[in-house]
Amino acid sequence: MNTINLENVKDIMKDISRVMDENKDYLVELDSKAGDGDLGISMSSGFRAVLESDAMEKQTLKTFFMASGMVINEASPSSLGTIIFMGMIAGAKNIGDAETLDAAGIGNFFMAAAQSIMDKTGSKPGEKTILDSVVPAAEVLMKSDLDLLSSTKMAYEAANEGMLSTIKMQAVHGRAAYYQEKSIGFQDGGATVGMLIFKAISDYITAL
């Protein structure tokens, strides 16, 4: 299997929601070190809301992602919810009328999402944000000439490495930036969310 279709993507969304539920307390713990402490609750409620919305009835990848992004924006009371919304809308537009996505297509979706976030927030990789896990994972997928299973596993590994790299970074954006040098030494919650998304994708492809 080298492509995923709409039904696969909807199943992946279910897995992402489950992973966010399972890691809710962990994300709260990470966020409480230099944030509002509500990240786990926000991500859990945001992705679960997608499963309970009419987004799951959409008939194309583009409309599914756009509807999902809007639901997350409304149901996730955090800045990361808004950031994910912006990214999903940009990713959806990048997909166009595509009915399936291969590794490069998934990578292009996430890179378009990341570029939108960078353009709208003025952020970039290396500043202790979700971009530090999403961008390296997207780059792996875009460049990979391997099968979907191998590509998504490598993307997850890249996302995990990117997440861990935030421990040594100083925060530039959000509430964590107020801590300046004191933000060094803590793993970023947003980057962790990005890693968990790619973990869910990799685990889903592995289980097929």
N, C-alpha and C. Protein backbone atom coordinates (compact mmCIF):
# COMPACT_ATOMS: atom_id res chain seq x y z
N MET A 1 0.85 -1.20 0.00
CA MET A 1 0.00 0.00 0.00
C MET A 1 0.88 1.24 0.00
N ASN A 2 0.78 2.04 -1.05
CA ASN A 2 1.62 3.22 -1.15
C ASN A 2 0.84 4.53 -1.16
N THR A 3 -0.47 4.43 -1.00
CA THR A 3 -1.29 5.65 -0.89
C THR A 3 -2.36 5.44 0.17
N ILE A 4 -2.87 6.55 0.68
CA ILE A 4 -4.01 6.50 1.59
C ILE A 4 -5.14 7.32 0.99
N ASN A 5 -6.37 6.90 1.26
CA ASN A 5 -7.54 7.59 0.73
C ASN A 5 -8.32 8.26 1.86
N LEU A 6 -9.47 8.78 1.54
CA LEU A 6 -10.26 9.53 2.51
C LEU A 6 -10.63 8.67 3.72
N GLU A 7 -11.04 7.44 3.50
CA GLU A 7 -11.41 6.58 4.63
C GLU A 7 -10.22 6.29 5.52
N ASN A 8 -9.05 6.10 4.92
CA ASN A 8 -7.83 5.93 5.71
C ASN A 8 -7.55 7.16 6.56
N VAL A 9 -7.70 8.33 5.95
CA VAL A 9 -7.42 9.59 6.66
C VAL A 9 -8.39 9.77 7.82
N LYS A 10 -9.65 9.42 7.62
CA LYS A 10 -10.62 9.51 8.71
C LYS A 10 -10.25 8.56 9.84
N ASP A 11 -9.78 7.38 9.50
CA ASP A 11 -9.33 6.43 10.52
C ASP A 11 -8.10 6.95 11.25
N ILE A 12 -7.20 7.59 10.52
CA ILE A 12 -6.02 8.19 11.14
C ILE A 12 -6.44 9.29 12.12
N MET A 13 -7.44 10.07 11.74
CA MET A 13 -7.94 11.11 12.64
C MET A 13 -8.44 10.49 13.95
N LYS A 14 -9.10 9.35 13.84
CA LYS A 14 -9.56 8.64 15.05
C LYS A 14 -8.37 8.23 15.91
N ASP A 15 -7.31 7.77 15.26
CA ASP A 15 -6.11 7.36 16.00
C ASP A 15 -5.41 8.56 16.63
N ILE A 16 -5.37 9.68 15.92
CA ILE A 16 -4.77 10.89 16.49
C ILE A 16 -5.55 11.31 17.73
N SER A 17 -6.87 11.28 17.64
CA SER A 17 -7.71 11.63 18.79
C SER A 17 -7.41 10.72 19.97
N ARG A 18 -7.30 9.42 19.71
CA ARG A 18 -7.00 8.46 20.78
C ARG A 18 -5.64 8.75 21.42
N VAL A 19 -4.64 9.03 20.58
CA VAL A 19 -3.30 9.32 21.09
C VAL A 19 -3.30 10.59 21.93
N MET A 20 -4.06 11.60 21.52
CA MET A 20 -4.14 12.83 22.30
C MET A 20 -4.83 12.57 23.65
N ASP A 21 -5.85 11.73 23.64
CA ASP A 21 -6.51 11.36 24.90
C ASP A 21 -5.53 10.64 25.82
N GLU A 22 -4.79 9.70 25.26
CA GLU A 22 -3.85 8.91 26.05
C GLU A 22 -2.72 9.75 26.63
N ASN A 23 -2.36 10.83 25.94
CA ASN A 23 -1.24 11.67 26.36
C ASN A 23 -1.69 13.00 26.95
N LYS A 24 -2.97 13.10 27.28
CA LYS A 24 -3.51 14.36 27.79
C LYS A 24 -2.76 14.84 29.02
N ASP A 25 -2.59 13.98 29.99
CA ASP A 25 -1.92 14.38 31.23
C ASP A 25 -0.45 14.72 30.98
N TYR A 26 0.18 13.98 30.08
CA TYR A 26 1.58 14.24 29.74
C TYR A 26 1.73 15.62 29.12
N LEU A 27 0.82 15.97 28.21
CA LEU A 27 0.87 17.28 27.56
C LEU A 27 0.58 18.40 28.56
N VAL A 28 -0.33 18.14 29.48
CA VAL A 28 -0.60 19.13 30.54
C VAL A 28 0.65 19.36 31.37
N GLU A 29 1.34 18.28 31.69
CA GLU A 29 2.58 18.38 32.49
C GLU A 29 3.64 19.19 31.76
N LEU A 30 3.83 18.91 30.46
CA LEU A 30 4.81 19.65 29.68
C LEU A 30 4.44 21.14 29.61
N ASP A 31 3.19 21.40 29.35
CA ASP A 31 2.73 22.78 29.17
C ASP A 31 2.77 23.58 30.46
N SER A 32 2.63 22.90 31.59
CA SER A 32 2.62 23.60 32.88
C SER A 32 3.99 24.15 33.25
N LYS A 33 5.04 23.67 32.60
CA LYS A 33 6.40 24.12 32.91
C LYS A 33 6.66 25.53 32.38
N ALA A 34 6.00 25.88 31.26
CA ALA A 34 6.25 27.21 30.68
C ALA A 34 5.05 27.70 29.88
N GLY A 35 3.87 27.23 30.23
CA GLY A 35 2.67 27.64 29.50
C GLY A 35 1.48 27.73 30.42
N ASP A 36 0.28 27.60 29.84
CA ASP A 36 -0.94 27.71 30.64
C ASP A 36 -1.34 26.39 31.29
N GLY A 37 -0.72 25.30 30.88
CA GLY A 37 -1.04 24.01 31.46
C GLY A 37 -2.30 23.36 30.92
N ASP A 38 -2.84 23.90 29.84
CA ASP A 38 -4.10 23.36 29.32
C ASP A 38 -3.94 22.65 27.98
N LEU A 39 -2.69 22.44 27.55
CA LEU A 39 -2.47 21.90 26.21
C LEU A 39 -3.09 20.52 26.01
N GLY A 40 -2.92 19.64 26.99
CA GLY A 40 -3.48 18.29 26.86
C GLY A 40 -4.99 18.31 26.75
N ILE A 41 -5.62 19.13 27.56
CA ILE A 41 -7.08 19.25 27.53
C ILE A 41 -7.53 19.82 26.19
N SER A 42 -6.81 20.81 25.72
CA SER A 42 -7.14 21.47 24.46
C SER A 42 -7.03 20.52 23.27
N MET A 43 -5.93 19.78 23.21
CA MET A 43 -5.73 18.86 22.09
C MET A 43 -6.70 17.67 22.16
N SER A 44 -6.93 17.17 23.34
CA SER A 44 -7.86 16.06 23.50
C SER A 44 -9.27 16.46 23.07
N SER A 45 -9.72 17.61 23.53
CA SER A 45 -11.07 18.06 23.20
C SER A 45 -11.18 18.46 21.74
N GLY A 46 -10.12 19.04 21.18
CA GLY A 46 -10.16 19.50 19.80
C GLY A 46 -10.28 18.37 18.80
N PHE A 47 -9.43 17.36 18.94
CA PHE A 47 -9.47 16.25 17.99
C PHE A 47 -10.69 15.36 18.20
N ARG A 48 -11.12 15.22 19.45
CA ARG A 48 -12.32 14.43 19.70
C ARG A 48 -13.54 15.10 19.08
N ALA A 49 -13.56 16.42 19.10
CA ALA A 49 -14.68 17.15 18.51
C ALA A 49 -14.82 16.88 17.02
N VAL A 50 -13.69 16.66 16.35
CA VAL A 50 -13.76 16.34 14.92
C VAL A 50 -14.55 15.06 14.70
N LEU A 51 -14.31 14.06 15.54
CA LEU A 51 -14.99 12.77 15.39
C LEU A 51 -16.49 12.88 15.62
N GLU A 52 -16.88 13.89 16.37
CA GLU A 52 -18.29 14.08 16.70
C GLU A 52 -18.97 15.11 15.82
N SER A 53 -18.26 15.56 14.77
CA SER A 53 -18.79 16.63 13.91
C SER A 53 -19.13 16.10 12.52
N ASP A 54 -19.73 16.98 11.72
CA ASP A 54 -20.08 16.58 10.35
C ASP A 54 -18.86 16.55 9.44
N ALA A 55 -17.70 16.89 9.98
CA ALA A 55 -16.47 16.74 9.18
C ALA A 55 -16.29 15.30 8.74
N MET A 56 -16.73 14.35 9.59
CA MET A 56 -16.57 12.94 9.28
C MET A 56 -17.48 12.49 8.14
N GLU A 57 -18.40 13.36 7.72
CA GLU A 57 -19.31 13.04 6.61
C GLU A 57 -18.83 13.63 5.29
N LYS A 58 -17.76 14.40 5.32
CA LYS A 58 -17.27 15.03 4.08
C LYS A 58 -16.78 13.96 3.11
N GLN A 59 -16.90 14.27 1.83
CA GLN A 59 -16.67 13.27 0.79
C GLN A 59 -15.37 13.46 0.01
N THR A 60 -14.57 14.47 0.36
CA THR A 60 -13.27 14.65 -0.29
C THR A 60 -12.22 14.95 0.78
N LEU A 61 -10.98 14.69 0.45
CA LEU A 61 -9.89 14.98 1.39
C LEU A 61 -9.85 16.47 1.72
N LYS A 62 -9.97 17.30 0.70
CA LYS A 62 -9.89 18.74 0.91
C LYS A 62 -10.97 19.23 1.86
N THR A 63 -12.22 18.86 1.62
CA THR A 63 -13.30 19.34 2.48
C THR A 63 -13.22 18.73 3.88
N PHE A 64 -12.71 17.51 3.97
CA PHE A 64 -12.55 16.89 5.29
C PHE A 64 -11.54 17.67 6.13
N PHE A 65 -10.39 17.97 5.55
CA PHE A 65 -9.37 18.70 6.29
C PHE A 65 -9.81 20.11 6.64
N MET A 66 -10.49 20.77 5.72
CA MET A 66 -10.95 22.13 6.01
C MET A 66 -11.98 22.13 7.13
N ALA A 67 -12.92 21.20 7.07
CA ALA A 67 -13.94 21.11 8.12
C ALA A 67 -13.31 20.73 9.45
N SER A 68 -12.36 19.82 9.42
CA SER A 68 -11.70 19.38 10.65
C SER A 68 -10.94 20.54 11.29
N GLY A 69 -10.25 21.31 10.48
CA GLY A 69 -9.51 22.45 11.01
C GLY A 69 -10.42 23.45 11.69
N MET A 70 -11.57 23.72 11.09
CA MET A 70 -12.52 24.67 11.68
C MET A 70 -13.09 24.15 13.00
N VAL A 71 -13.34 22.84 13.06
CA VAL A 71 -13.84 22.25 14.30
C VAL A 71 -12.81 22.36 15.41
N ILE A 72 -11.55 22.04 15.08
CA ILE A 72 -10.49 22.13 16.09
C ILE A 72 -10.33 23.56 16.57
N ASN A 73 -10.43 24.51 15.68
CA ASN A 73 -10.31 25.93 16.07
C ASN A 73 -11.38 26.33 17.07
N GLU A 74 -12.57 25.79 16.88
CA GLU A 74 -13.69 26.13 17.77
C GLU A 74 -13.65 25.36 19.09
N ALA A 75 -13.19 24.11 19.03
CA ALA A 75 -13.27 23.23 20.21
C ALA A 75 -12.00 23.21 21.04
N SER A 76 -10.92 23.75 20.51
CA SER A 76 -9.63 23.70 21.22
C SER A 76 -9.26 25.08 21.74
N PRO A 77 -9.47 25.32 23.02
CA PRO A 77 -9.25 26.66 23.59
C PRO A 77 -7.78 26.94 23.87
N SER A 78 -6.97 26.99 22.82
CA SER A 78 -5.55 27.28 23.01
C SER A 78 -4.99 27.87 21.73
N SER A 79 -3.83 28.51 21.86
CA SER A 79 -3.19 29.09 20.68
C SER A 79 -2.79 28.00 19.70
N LEU A 80 -2.42 26.81 20.20
CA LEU A 80 -2.03 25.74 19.29
C LEU A 80 -3.23 25.25 18.48
N GLY A 81 -4.41 25.30 19.05
CA GLY A 81 -5.60 24.95 18.30
C GLY A 81 -5.77 25.84 17.09
N THR A 82 -5.55 27.14 17.28
CA THR A 82 -5.64 28.09 16.17
C THR A 82 -4.54 27.84 15.15
N ILE A 83 -3.35 27.52 15.63
CA ILE A 83 -2.23 27.25 14.74
C ILE A 83 -2.49 26.01 13.89
N ILE A 84 -3.03 24.96 14.52
CA ILE A 84 -3.36 23.74 13.78
C ILE A 84 -4.44 24.03 12.75
N PHE A 85 -5.40 24.85 13.11
CA PHE A 85 -6.46 25.26 12.18
C PHE A 85 -5.86 25.93 10.95
N MET A 86 -4.96 26.88 11.16
CA MET A 86 -4.33 27.57 10.04
C MET A 86 -3.58 26.59 9.15
N GLY A 87 -2.87 25.67 9.79
CA GLY A 87 -2.10 24.70 9.04
C GLY A 87 -2.97 23.75 8.24
N MET A 88 -4.06 23.30 8.83
CA MET A 88 -4.94 22.35 8.12
C MET A 88 -5.62 22.99 6.93
N ILE A 89 -5.99 24.24 7.06
CA ILE A 89 -6.62 24.94 5.93
C ILE A 89 -5.63 25.05 4.77
N ALA A 90 -4.38 25.41 5.09
CA ALA A 90 -3.36 25.53 4.04
C ALA A 90 -3.05 24.17 3.44
N GLY A 91 -2.97 23.14 4.27
CA GLY A 91 -2.72 21.80 3.77
C GLY A 91 -3.83 21.32 2.87
N ALA A 92 -5.07 21.63 3.25
CA ALA A 92 -6.24 21.24 2.45
C ALA A 92 -6.19 21.89 1.08
N LYS A 93 -5.84 23.17 1.04
CA LYS A 93 -5.76 23.87 -0.25
C LYS A 93 -4.66 23.27 -1.11
N ASN A 94 -3.58 22.82 -0.49
CA ASN A 94 -2.49 22.22 -1.23
C ASN A 94 -2.91 20.91 -1.89
N ILE A 95 -3.79 20.16 -1.23
CA ILE A 95 -4.26 18.88 -1.76
C ILE A 95 -5.06 19.05 -3.04
N GLY A 96 -5.87 20.09 -3.08
CA GLY A 96 -6.71 20.31 -4.25
C GLY A 96 -7.75 19.21 -4.40
N ASP A 97 -7.83 18.62 -5.58
CA ASP A 97 -8.83 17.59 -5.86
C ASP A 97 -8.28 16.17 -5.72
N ALA A 98 -7.12 16.03 -5.12
CA ALA A 98 -6.50 14.71 -4.97
C ALA A 98 -7.42 13.77 -4.20
N GLU A 99 -7.52 12.54 -4.65
CA GLU A 99 -8.35 11.53 -3.98
C GLU A 99 -7.53 10.60 -3.10
N THR A 100 -6.22 10.56 -3.34
CA THR A 100 -5.32 9.76 -2.53
C THR A 100 -4.04 10.55 -2.28
N LEU A 101 -3.29 10.12 -1.26
CA LEU A 101 -2.01 10.76 -0.94
C LEU A 101 -0.94 9.70 -0.81
N ASP A 102 0.18 9.89 -1.50
CA ASP A 102 1.34 9.05 -1.28
C ASP A 102 2.25 9.74 -0.28
N ALA A 103 3.45 9.20 -0.05
CA ALA A 103 4.34 9.80 0.94
C ALA A 103 4.63 11.27 0.63
N ALA A 104 4.92 11.56 -0.64
CA ALA A 104 5.21 12.94 -1.03
C ALA A 104 3.99 13.84 -0.82
N GLY A 105 2.80 13.30 -1.12
CA GLY A 105 1.58 14.07 -0.93
C GLY A 105 1.32 14.41 0.53
N ILE A 106 1.57 13.45 1.40
CA ILE A 106 1.44 13.70 2.84
C ILE A 106 2.46 14.75 3.27
N GLY A 107 3.68 14.60 2.76
CA GLY A 107 4.72 15.57 3.09
C GLY A 107 4.38 16.97 2.60
N ASN A 108 3.84 17.07 1.40
CA ASN A 108 3.45 18.37 0.87
C ASN A 108 2.33 19.00 1.69
N PHE A 109 1.41 18.16 2.15
CA PHE A 109 0.32 18.66 3.01
C PHE A 109 0.90 19.31 4.25
N PHE A 110 1.78 18.60 4.93
CA PHE A 110 2.34 19.13 6.17
C PHE A 110 3.28 20.29 5.94
N MET A 111 4.00 20.29 4.83
CA MET A 111 4.89 21.42 4.57
C MET A 111 4.09 22.67 4.23
N ALA A 112 3.00 22.51 3.50
CA ALA A 112 2.13 23.66 3.23
C ALA A 112 1.54 24.19 4.53
N ALA A 113 1.17 23.27 5.42
CA ALA A 113 0.65 23.67 6.73
C ALA A 113 1.71 24.44 7.51
N ALA A 114 2.94 23.91 7.52
CA ALA A 114 4.02 24.56 8.25
C ALA A 114 4.35 25.93 7.67
N GLN A 115 4.35 26.02 6.34
CA GLN A 115 4.66 27.30 5.70
C GLN A 115 3.62 28.36 6.05
N SER A 116 2.36 27.95 6.10
CA SER A 116 1.30 28.88 6.48
C SER A 116 1.49 29.37 7.91
N ILE A 117 1.84 28.44 8.79
CA ILE A 117 2.08 28.82 10.20
C ILE A 117 3.25 29.80 10.28
N MET A 118 4.30 29.52 9.53
CA MET A 118 5.47 30.42 9.55
C MET A 118 5.10 31.80 9.02
N ASP A 119 4.35 31.83 7.92
CA ASP A 119 3.97 33.10 7.30
C ASP A 119 3.08 33.94 8.22
N LYS A 120 2.17 33.27 8.91
CA LYS A 120 1.18 34.00 9.72
C LYS A 120 1.68 34.36 11.12
N THR A 121 2.64 33.60 11.64
CA THR A 121 3.10 33.85 13.00
C THR A 121 4.51 34.42 13.07
N GLY A 122 5.22 34.38 11.95
CA GLY A 122 6.60 34.87 11.96
C GLY A 122 7.56 33.91 12.63
N SER A 123 7.13 32.69 12.82
CA SER A 123 7.99 31.70 13.48
C SER A 123 8.73 30.86 12.46
N LYS A 124 9.72 30.10 12.94
CA LYS A 124 10.49 29.22 12.07
C LYS A 124 11.05 28.09 12.92
N PRO A 125 11.48 27.00 12.29
CA PRO A 125 12.10 25.92 13.06
C PRO A 125 13.29 26.43 13.87
N GLY A 126 13.48 25.84 15.04
CA GLY A 126 14.57 26.27 15.91
C GLY A 126 14.13 27.22 17.00
N GLU A 127 12.82 27.50 17.06
CA GLU A 127 12.30 28.46 18.04
C GLU A 127 11.38 27.80 19.07
N LYS A 128 11.49 26.48 19.20
CA LYS A 128 10.76 25.75 20.25
C LYS A 128 9.25 25.80 20.03
N THR A 129 8.81 25.30 18.86
CA THR A 129 7.39 25.25 18.54
C THR A 129 7.06 23.93 17.84
N ILE A 130 5.82 23.77 17.46
CA ILE A 130 5.38 22.58 16.73
C ILE A 130 6.14 22.41 15.42
N LEU A 131 6.66 23.49 14.87
CA LEU A 131 7.41 23.42 13.62
C LEU A 131 8.64 22.54 13.74
N ASP A 132 9.20 22.44 14.94
CA ASP A 132 10.43 21.69 15.12
C ASP A 132 10.23 20.19 14.96
N SER A 133 9.02 19.70 15.07
CA SER A 133 8.75 18.30 14.77
C SER A 133 8.09 18.12 13.41
N VAL A 134 7.24 19.05 13.02
CA VAL A 134 6.49 18.91 11.76
C VAL A 134 7.38 19.10 10.53
N VAL A 135 8.22 20.12 10.54
CA VAL A 135 9.02 20.41 9.34
C VAL A 135 9.99 19.28 9.00
N PRO A 136 10.78 18.76 9.94
CA PRO A 136 11.68 17.66 9.56
C PRO A 136 10.94 16.41 9.10
N ALA A 137 9.78 16.13 9.70
CA ALA A 137 8.99 14.98 9.27
C ALA A 137 8.46 15.19 7.86
N ALA A 138 7.97 16.38 7.58
CA ALA A 138 7.46 16.69 6.24
C ALA A 138 8.57 16.59 5.19
N GLU A 139 9.75 17.05 5.54
CA GLU A 139 10.88 17.00 4.60
C GLU A 139 11.25 15.56 4.27
N VAL A 140 11.22 14.69 5.26
CA VAL A 140 11.51 13.28 5.02
C VAL A 140 10.52 12.69 4.03
N LEU A 141 9.24 12.97 4.24
CA LEU A 141 8.20 12.43 3.36
C LEU A 141 8.31 12.97 1.94
N MET A 142 8.61 14.24 1.81
CA MET A 142 8.71 14.85 0.49
C MET A 142 9.88 14.29 -0.32
N LYS A 143 10.95 13.92 0.38
CA LYS A 143 12.17 13.47 -0.30
C LYS A 143 12.25 11.95 -0.44
N SER A 144 11.41 11.22 0.28
CA SER A 144 11.53 9.78 0.32
C SER A 144 11.12 9.12 -1.00
N ASP A 145 11.90 8.14 -1.42
CA ASP A 145 11.52 7.32 -2.57
C ASP A 145 11.22 5.89 -2.12
N LEU A 146 10.95 5.73 -0.82
CA LEU A 146 10.64 4.43 -0.26
C LEU A 146 9.12 4.22 -0.21
N ASP A 147 8.69 3.05 0.20
CA ASP A 147 7.27 2.76 0.32
C ASP A 147 6.67 3.57 1.46
N LEU A 148 5.35 3.59 1.52
CA LEU A 148 4.65 4.42 2.50
C LEU A 148 4.96 4.00 3.93
N LEU A 149 5.06 2.70 4.17
CA LEU A 149 5.36 2.20 5.51
C LEU A 149 6.72 2.72 5.99
N SER A 150 7.74 2.55 5.18
CA SER A 150 9.08 3.01 5.55
C SER A 150 9.13 4.53 5.67
N SER A 151 8.47 5.21 4.75
CA SER A 151 8.50 6.67 4.74
C SER A 151 7.85 7.27 5.98
N THR A 152 6.70 6.75 6.36
CA THR A 152 6.01 7.31 7.53
C THR A 152 6.74 6.96 8.82
N LYS A 153 7.39 5.80 8.85
CA LYS A 153 8.19 5.46 10.03
C LYS A 153 9.37 6.40 10.17
N MET A 154 10.04 6.69 9.05
CA MET A 154 11.16 7.63 9.08
C MET A 154 10.70 9.04 9.43
N ALA A 155 9.51 9.41 8.98
CA ALA A 155 8.97 10.73 9.31
C ALA A 155 8.70 10.84 10.80
N TYR A 156 8.14 9.79 11.37
CA TYR A 156 7.90 9.78 12.82
C TYR A 156 9.21 9.90 13.58
N GLU A 157 10.23 9.18 13.14
CA GLU A 157 11.53 9.25 13.81
C GLU A 157 12.12 10.67 13.72
N ALA A 158 11.93 11.30 12.57
CA ALA A 158 12.41 12.68 12.38
C ALA A 158 11.64 13.64 13.28
N ALA A 159 10.33 13.42 13.40
CA ALA A 159 9.51 14.26 14.27
C ALA A 159 9.94 14.10 15.72
N ASN A 160 10.25 12.87 16.11
CA ASN A 160 10.67 12.61 17.48
C ASN A 160 12.01 13.29 17.77
N GLU A 161 12.93 13.20 16.82
CA GLU A 161 14.23 13.86 17.00
C GLU A 161 14.05 15.38 17.08
N GLY A 162 13.17 15.90 16.23
CA GLY A 162 12.91 17.33 16.26
C GLY A 162 12.30 17.77 17.59
N MET A 163 11.40 16.96 18.10
CA MET A 163 10.79 17.24 19.41
C MET A 163 11.86 17.29 20.50
N LEU A 164 12.72 16.29 20.52
CA LEU A 164 13.76 16.22 21.55
C LEU A 164 14.74 17.39 21.44
N SER A 165 14.94 17.88 20.22
CA SER A 165 15.87 19.00 20.03
C SER A 165 15.38 20.27 20.71
N THR A 166 14.07 20.36 20.98
CA THR A 166 13.53 21.58 21.60
C THR A 166 13.96 21.71 23.06
N ILE A 167 14.42 20.62 23.66
CA ILE A 167 14.86 20.69 25.06
C ILE A 167 15.98 21.71 25.23
N LYS A 168 16.84 21.80 24.23
CA LYS A 168 18.00 22.70 24.32
C LYS A 168 17.71 24.10 23.78
N MET A 169 16.49 24.31 23.30
CA MET A 169 16.15 25.60 22.70
C MET A 169 15.58 26.58 23.71
N GLN A 170 15.74 27.86 23.41
CA GLN A 170 15.08 28.91 24.18
C GLN A 170 13.82 29.33 23.43
N ALA A 171 12.71 29.42 24.15
CA ALA A 171 11.44 29.77 23.52
C ALA A 171 11.46 31.20 23.01
N VAL A 172 10.87 31.40 21.85
CA VAL A 172 10.80 32.73 21.22
C VAL A 172 9.36 33.24 21.17
N HIS A 173 8.40 32.32 21.15
CA HIS A 173 7.00 32.70 20.98
C HIS A 173 6.15 32.23 22.16
N GLY A 174 5.00 32.88 22.32
CA GLY A 174 4.03 32.45 23.32
C GLY A 174 4.45 32.76 24.74
N ARG A 175 3.70 32.22 25.67
CA ARG A 175 3.96 32.47 27.08
C ARG A 175 5.33 31.98 27.51
N ALA A 176 5.77 30.89 26.90
CA ALA A 176 7.08 30.32 27.26
C ALA A 176 8.21 31.31 27.01
N ALA A 177 8.02 32.23 26.06
CA ALA A 177 9.07 33.20 25.74
C ALA A 177 9.36 34.13 26.92
N TYR A 178 8.37 34.32 27.80
CA TYR A 178 8.59 35.18 28.96
C TYR A 178 9.64 34.60 29.91
N TYR A 179 9.85 33.29 29.82
CA TYR A 179 10.81 32.64 30.71
C TYR A 179 12.24 32.78 30.20
N GLN A 180 12.40 33.23 28.95
CA GLN A 180 13.69 33.46 28.33
C GLN A 180 14.62 32.24 28.54
N GLU A 181 15.80 32.45 29.14
CA GLU A 181 16.75 31.34 29.30
C GLU A 181 16.20 30.20 30.14
N LYS A 182 15.25 30.50 31.01
CA LYS A 182 14.69 29.46 31.87
C LYS A 182 13.84 28.47 31.09
N SER A 183 13.49 28.82 29.85
CA SER A 183 12.72 27.88 29.02
C SER A 183 13.61 26.78 28.45
N ILE A 184 14.92 26.97 28.52
CA ILE A 184 15.87 25.95 28.07
C ILE A 184 15.86 24.79 29.08
N GLY A 185 15.82 23.59 28.55
CA GLY A 185 15.81 22.42 29.43
C GLY A 185 14.47 21.73 29.49
N PHE A 186 13.44 22.34 28.90
CA PHE A 186 12.11 21.75 28.87
C PHE A 186 11.70 21.39 27.44
N GLN A 187 11.11 20.24 27.28
CA GLN A 187 10.61 19.81 25.98
C GLN A 187 9.35 20.59 25.62
N ASP A 188 9.28 21.06 24.38
CA ASP A 188 8.14 21.87 23.97
C ASP A 188 6.88 21.03 23.78
N GLY A 189 5.78 21.52 24.32
CA GLY A 189 4.51 20.81 24.20
C GLY A 189 3.99 20.77 22.77
N GLY A 190 4.12 21.86 22.05
CA GLY A 190 3.65 21.91 20.67
C GLY A 190 4.40 20.93 19.78
N ALA A 191 5.72 20.87 19.95
CA ALA A 191 6.52 19.92 19.19
C ALA A 191 6.13 18.49 19.54
N THR A 192 5.75 18.29 20.80
CA THR A 192 5.30 16.96 21.23
C THR A 192 4.00 16.59 20.55
N VAL A 193 3.09 17.54 20.42
CA VAL A 193 1.84 17.30 19.69
C VAL A 193 2.15 16.90 18.25
N GLY A 194 3.07 17.62 17.60
CA GLY A 194 3.46 17.27 16.24
C GLY A 194 4.00 15.86 16.15
N MET A 195 4.85 15.49 17.10
CA MET A 195 5.39 14.13 17.12
C MET A 195 4.29 13.11 17.26
N LEU A 196 3.32 13.36 18.14
CA LEU A 196 2.24 12.41 18.37
C LEU A 196 1.37 12.23 17.12
N ILE A 197 1.20 13.28 16.35
CA ILE A 197 0.45 13.18 15.10
C ILE A 197 1.16 12.23 14.13
N PHE A 198 2.47 12.39 14.00
CA PHE A 198 3.21 11.51 13.10
C PHE A 198 3.33 10.09 13.65
N LYS A 199 3.33 9.96 14.95
CA LYS A 199 3.32 8.62 15.55
C LYS A 199 2.03 7.90 15.19
N ALA A 200 0.91 8.61 15.29
CA ALA A 200 -0.38 8.01 14.96
C ALA A 200 -0.43 7.60 13.49
N ILE A 201 0.11 8.44 12.62
CA ILE A 201 0.13 8.10 11.19
C ILE A 201 0.98 6.86 10.95
N SER A 202 2.17 6.84 11.51
CA SER A 202 3.08 5.70 11.34
C SER A 202 2.48 4.42 11.89
N ASP A 203 1.90 4.50 13.08
CA ASP A 203 1.31 3.31 13.70
C ASP A 203 0.14 2.78 12.87
N TYR A 204 -0.64 3.70 12.28
CA TYR A 204 -1.78 3.28 11.46
C TYR A 204 -1.29 2.53 10.21
N ILE A 205 -0.31 3.10 9.53
CA ILE A 205 0.22 2.47 8.31
C ILE A 205 0.85 1.13 8.65
N THR A 206 1.54 1.05 9.77
CA THR A 206 2.18 -0.19 10.20
C THR A 206 1.15 -1.29 10.44
N ALA A 207 -0.01 -0.91 10.95
CA ALA A 207 -1.04 -1.90 11.32
C ALA A 207 -1.85 -2.38 10.13
N LEU A 208 -1.74 -1.72 8.99
CA LEU A 208 -2.53 -2.11 7.82
C LEU A 208 -2.09 -3.47 7.27
